[in-house]
Amino acid sequence: MSITKVPTGNKDLDLFLGGGYDNDVITTFYGPSGSGKTTLCILSAISVIDSGKKVIYIDTESSFSVERLKQIVPNRYEEVMHNFLFLKPVNFDEQKKSFDKLRNIVDDTIGLIVVDTISMLYRLAVGQTKDVYEVNKQLGIQLAYLTELGRKKKIPVLIANQVYSSFEDKDKVNMVGGDILKYSSKTLIEIQSMKNSIRSLIVRKSRSIEEDKTFNFELVNSGIEAKKD
């Protein structure tokens, strides 16, 4: 099966992933705060912008940092910034409306959709309602629409997601949204924070890469740097 790839923004990571992220599906990163999820999203976004396309960035946590962008592309950050289209919902209802807006703004000029993170406002909504089923249903609808966009428009979708520890097993890391995200994402990538500021990127699900394949990296001013064993 031939799968078109979208550059990650790092040559070593491109090589590790067989060319980059899959072009027409959802790729979900999940890991603790500060593990590098947003940096990975920004790096790929820059690559897409460099190809002549624009990027839709749905920022639910105000995670996107102009200062971080300046570190990565110090001499042209204004040019790059001009090609981001930001949506910044502040509650789960606004997140739903942001996804509705995609119907009107996704066209041939869009090369990537980023959701950072998918779970922040979802978790708040779950904690504020007795109707968890309805909240889960709405999250499923949002993901189904992203899946449809990716498939029909051949637009890659990158999702950053939060994690939580199991009450029974403190060492086990669970992805927020559970099966809803697992079933919707064709690629699942766990990011772990290791010792000495090293991060470990682990492929948990993929159409073309063996499961549990691992790529170690460090966050640096220019983005990420591969760390060999």
Protein backbone atom coordinates (compact mmCIF):
# COMPACT_ATOMS: atom_id res chain seq x y z
CA MET A 1 0.00 0.00 0.00
CA SER A 2 1.42 3.37 -1.04
CA ILE A 3 1.07 6.00 1.69
CA THR A 4 1.97 9.62 1.05
CA LYS A 5 3.98 11.15 3.88
CA VAL A 6 4.22 14.65 5.33
CA PRO A 7 7.62 15.79 6.66
CA THR A 8 8.02 15.96 10.43
CA GLY A 9 10.46 18.87 10.27
CA ASN A 10 13.37 16.68 11.37
CA LYS A 11 15.31 14.49 8.92
CA ASP A 12 16.13 11.79 11.48
CA LEU A 13 12.50 11.51 12.55
CA ASP A 14 11.42 11.41 8.89
CA LEU A 15 13.77 8.48 8.35
CA PHE A 16 12.48 6.73 11.47
CA LEU A 17 8.85 7.11 10.31
CA GLY A 18 9.54 6.06 6.73
CA GLY A 19 9.20 9.56 5.30
CA GLY A 20 7.06 11.37 7.86
CA TYR A 21 3.46 11.35 9.09
CA ASP A 22 0.71 9.73 7.04
CA ASN A 23 -0.96 12.29 4.80
CA ASP A 24 -4.65 11.38 5.01
CA VAL A 25 -5.28 10.22 8.58
CA ILE A 26 -5.15 11.30 12.21
CA THR A 27 -1.82 10.98 14.01
CA THR A 28 -2.12 11.38 17.78
CA PHE A 29 0.76 12.18 20.11
CA TYR A 30 0.13 11.52 23.79
CA GLY A 31 2.38 12.14 26.75
CA PRO A 32 2.91 14.27 29.86
CA SER A 33 3.14 18.04 29.87
CA GLY A 34 6.50 19.30 28.61
CA SER A 35 7.34 16.11 26.73
CA GLY A 36 7.54 17.83 23.34
CA LYS A 37 4.10 17.30 21.78
CA THR A 38 3.65 20.94 20.80
CA THR A 39 7.18 21.19 19.41
CA LEU A 40 6.51 18.17 17.18
CA CYS A 41 3.32 19.82 15.92
CA ILE A 42 5.07 23.14 15.23
CA LEU A 43 7.98 21.46 13.40
CA SER A 44 5.66 19.66 11.00
CA ALA A 45 3.59 22.83 10.56
CA ILE A 46 6.70 24.74 9.48
CA SER A 47 7.49 22.04 6.91
CA VAL A 48 3.96 22.26 5.51
CA ILE A 49 4.16 26.06 5.33
CA ASP A 50 7.51 25.82 3.57
CA SER A 51 5.78 23.68 0.94
CA GLY A 52 3.42 26.59 0.18
CA LYS A 53 0.40 25.58 2.26
CA LYS A 54 -1.29 27.09 5.33
CA VAL A 55 -1.88 25.41 8.70
CA ILE A 56 -5.02 25.45 10.85
CA TYR A 57 -3.99 25.34 14.51
CA ILE A 58 -6.74 24.67 17.08
CA ASP A 59 -5.10 25.73 20.35
CA THR A 60 -7.17 24.78 23.41
CA GLU A 61 -4.43 25.30 26.03
CA SER A 62 -2.62 28.36 24.67
CA SER A 63 0.24 25.91 24.12
CA PHE A 64 1.47 27.57 20.94
CA SER A 65 4.40 29.84 21.75
CA VAL A 66 5.59 32.60 19.44
CA GLU A 67 8.88 32.56 21.37
CA ARG A 68 9.30 28.87 20.59
CA LEU A 69 8.62 29.58 16.91
CA LYS A 70 11.28 32.32 17.02
CA GLN A 71 13.78 29.80 18.41
CA ILE A 72 13.09 27.33 15.61
CA VAL A 73 13.01 29.82 12.69
CA PRO A 74 14.60 33.01 14.10
CA ASN A 75 15.10 34.76 10.77
CA ARG A 76 11.68 34.21 9.27
CA TYR A 77 9.20 33.60 12.07
CA GLU A 78 6.96 36.49 10.95
CA GLU A 79 6.66 35.01 7.46
CA VAL A 80 5.89 31.57 8.92
CA MET A 81 3.46 32.98 11.50
CA HIS A 82 1.47 34.65 8.73
CA ASN A 83 0.54 31.21 7.40
CA PHE A 84 -1.04 29.91 10.60
CA LEU A 85 -4.82 30.16 11.03
CA PHE A 86 -5.58 29.99 14.76
CA LEU A 87 -8.77 28.88 16.48
CA LYS A 88 -8.72 29.20 20.29
CA PRO A 89 -11.80 27.70 21.96
CA VAL A 90 -12.11 28.21 25.72
CA ASN A 91 -14.72 25.53 26.50
CA PHE A 92 -15.94 22.28 24.96
CA ASP A 93 -18.91 23.96 23.29
CA GLU A 94 -16.55 26.42 21.59
CA GLN A 95 -14.33 23.52 20.58
CA LYS A 96 -17.34 21.99 18.83
CA LYS A 97 -17.98 25.32 17.07
CA SER A 98 -14.32 25.45 16.01
CA PHE A 99 -14.71 22.10 14.30
CA ASP A 100 -17.87 23.38 12.60
CA LYS A 101 -15.86 26.35 11.27
CA LEU A 102 -13.51 23.95 9.50
CA ARG A 103 -16.27 23.31 6.95
CA ASN A 104 -15.91 26.88 5.72
CA ILE A 105 -12.16 27.43 5.98
CA VAL A 106 -10.65 24.16 4.75
CA ASP A 107 -9.77 24.49 1.08
CA ASP A 108 -6.89 23.66 -1.24
CA THR A 109 -4.61 26.16 0.52
CA ILE A 110 -4.68 24.15 3.78
CA GLY A 111 -1.93 21.57 4.18
CA LEU A 112 -2.26 20.55 7.83
CA ILE A 113 -4.71 20.63 10.76
CA VAL A 114 -3.33 20.59 14.32
CA VAL A 115 -5.39 20.15 17.50
CA ASP A 116 -3.36 20.95 20.63
CA THR A 117 -4.78 19.42 22.75
CA ILE A 118 -7.93 17.45 21.97
CA SER A 119 -8.54 16.57 25.61
CA MET A 120 -8.14 19.74 27.71
CA LEU A 121 -11.67 21.09 27.25
CA TYR A 122 -13.10 17.57 26.98
CA ARG A 123 -11.83 16.74 30.48
CA LEU A 124 -13.33 19.93 31.88
CA ALA A 125 -16.68 19.11 30.25
CA VAL A 126 -16.68 15.57 31.66
CA GLY A 127 -16.02 16.98 35.13
CA GLN A 128 -18.91 19.44 34.87
CA THR A 129 -21.70 17.20 33.62
CA LYS A 130 -23.71 14.17 34.66
CA ASP A 131 -24.20 13.23 31.02
CA VAL A 132 -20.75 11.86 30.20
CA TYR A 133 -22.24 9.84 27.34
CA GLU A 134 -23.22 13.04 25.52
CA VAL A 135 -19.75 14.55 25.96
CA ASN A 136 -18.15 11.37 24.63
CA LYS A 137 -20.59 11.40 21.73
CA GLN A 138 -19.59 14.97 20.84
CA LEU A 139 -15.89 14.09 21.00
CA GLY A 140 -16.57 11.15 18.70
CA ILE A 141 -18.36 13.42 16.23
CA GLN A 142 -15.42 15.87 16.23
CA LEU A 143 -12.94 13.07 15.55
CA ALA A 144 -15.15 11.55 12.86
CA TYR A 145 -15.20 14.89 11.06
CA LEU A 146 -11.41 15.19 11.25
CA THR A 147 -11.15 11.66 9.86
CA GLU A 148 -13.46 12.60 6.99
CA LEU A 149 -11.47 15.76 6.23
CA GLY A 150 -8.20 13.88 6.23
CA ARG A 151 -9.49 11.18 3.90
CA LYS A 152 -11.39 13.36 1.43
CA LYS A 153 -9.03 16.35 1.31
CA LYS A 154 -5.81 14.36 1.79
CA ILE A 155 -4.94 16.66 4.70
CA PRO A 156 -2.83 15.29 7.56
CA VAL A 157 -4.25 15.81 11.05
CA LEU A 158 -1.95 15.99 14.08
CA ILE A 159 -3.52 15.73 17.52
CA ALA A 160 -1.75 16.32 20.83
CA ASN A 161 -3.34 14.54 23.76
CA GLN A 162 -2.96 14.40 27.52
CA VAL A 163 -2.37 11.36 29.73
CA TYR A 164 -3.26 10.25 33.23
CA SER A 165 -2.03 7.56 35.62
CA SER A 166 -4.13 4.53 36.47
CA PHE A 167 -5.45 4.50 40.05
CA GLU A 168 -4.67 0.79 40.33
CA ASP A 169 -1.27 0.97 38.60
CA LYS A 170 0.57 4.28 39.06
CA ASP A 171 3.24 3.27 36.53
CA LYS A 172 0.70 2.72 33.76
CA VAL A 173 0.01 5.71 31.52
CA ASN A 174 -3.43 6.07 29.95
CA MET A 175 -4.47 8.35 27.11
CA VAL A 176 -7.35 10.74 27.84
CA GLY A 177 -10.32 9.85 25.66
CA GLY A 178 -9.35 6.20 25.66
CA ASP A 179 -10.96 4.08 22.95
CA ILE A 180 -12.50 7.10 21.20
CA LEU A 181 -9.01 8.38 20.32
CA LYS A 182 -7.55 4.92 19.74
CA TYR A 183 -10.14 3.98 17.14
CA SER A 184 -10.04 7.37 15.39
CA SER A 185 -6.24 7.58 15.14
CA LYS A 186 -4.52 5.50 12.47
CA THR A 187 -1.18 6.40 14.08
CA LEU A 188 -0.66 6.53 17.84
CA ILE A 189 2.63 7.83 19.22
CA GLU A 190 3.44 7.85 22.92
CA ILE A 191 6.05 10.32 24.17
CA GLN A 192 7.81 9.60 27.43
CA SER A 193 10.10 11.90 29.40
CA MET A 194 13.29 10.02 30.25
CA LYS A 195 16.39 10.88 32.29
CA ASN A 196 18.77 13.72 31.38
CA SER A 197 16.09 15.62 29.40
CA ILE A 198 15.81 12.81 26.83
CA ARG A 199 12.39 12.05 25.35
CA SER A 200 11.37 8.72 23.91
CA LEU A 201 8.91 8.58 21.01
CA ILE A 202 7.24 5.15 20.81
CA VAL A 203 5.01 4.02 17.94
CA ARG A 204 2.01 2.28 19.50
CA LYS A 205 -0.11 1.96 16.36
CA SER A 206 0.62 2.47 12.66
CA ARG A 207 -0.34 1.29 9.20
CA SER A 208 3.26 0.96 8.08
CA ILE A 209 5.62 0.94 11.10
CA GLU A 210 6.22 -1.87 13.56
CA GLU A 211 4.65 -1.35 16.98
CA ASP A 212 6.88 -0.27 19.88
CA LYS A 213 9.56 1.07 17.53
CA THR A 214 11.38 3.79 19.50
CA PHE A 215 13.05 7.09 18.62
CA ASN A 216 14.92 9.02 21.33
CA PHE A 217 15.33 12.77 21.06
CA GLU A 218 16.11 15.94 22.98
CA LEU A 219 14.36 19.30 22.75
CA VAL A 220 16.76 21.96 21.42
CA ASN A 221 16.38 25.55 20.21
CA SER A 222 16.05 24.44 16.59
CA GLY A 223 13.36 21.87 17.45
CA ILE A 224 14.47 18.36 18.29
CA GLU A 225 17.74 16.46 18.01
CA ALA A 226 17.95 12.68 17.65
CA LYS A 227 19.83 10.87 20.41
CA LYS A 228 21.47 7.60 19.45
CA ASP A 229 21.62 4.68 21.83
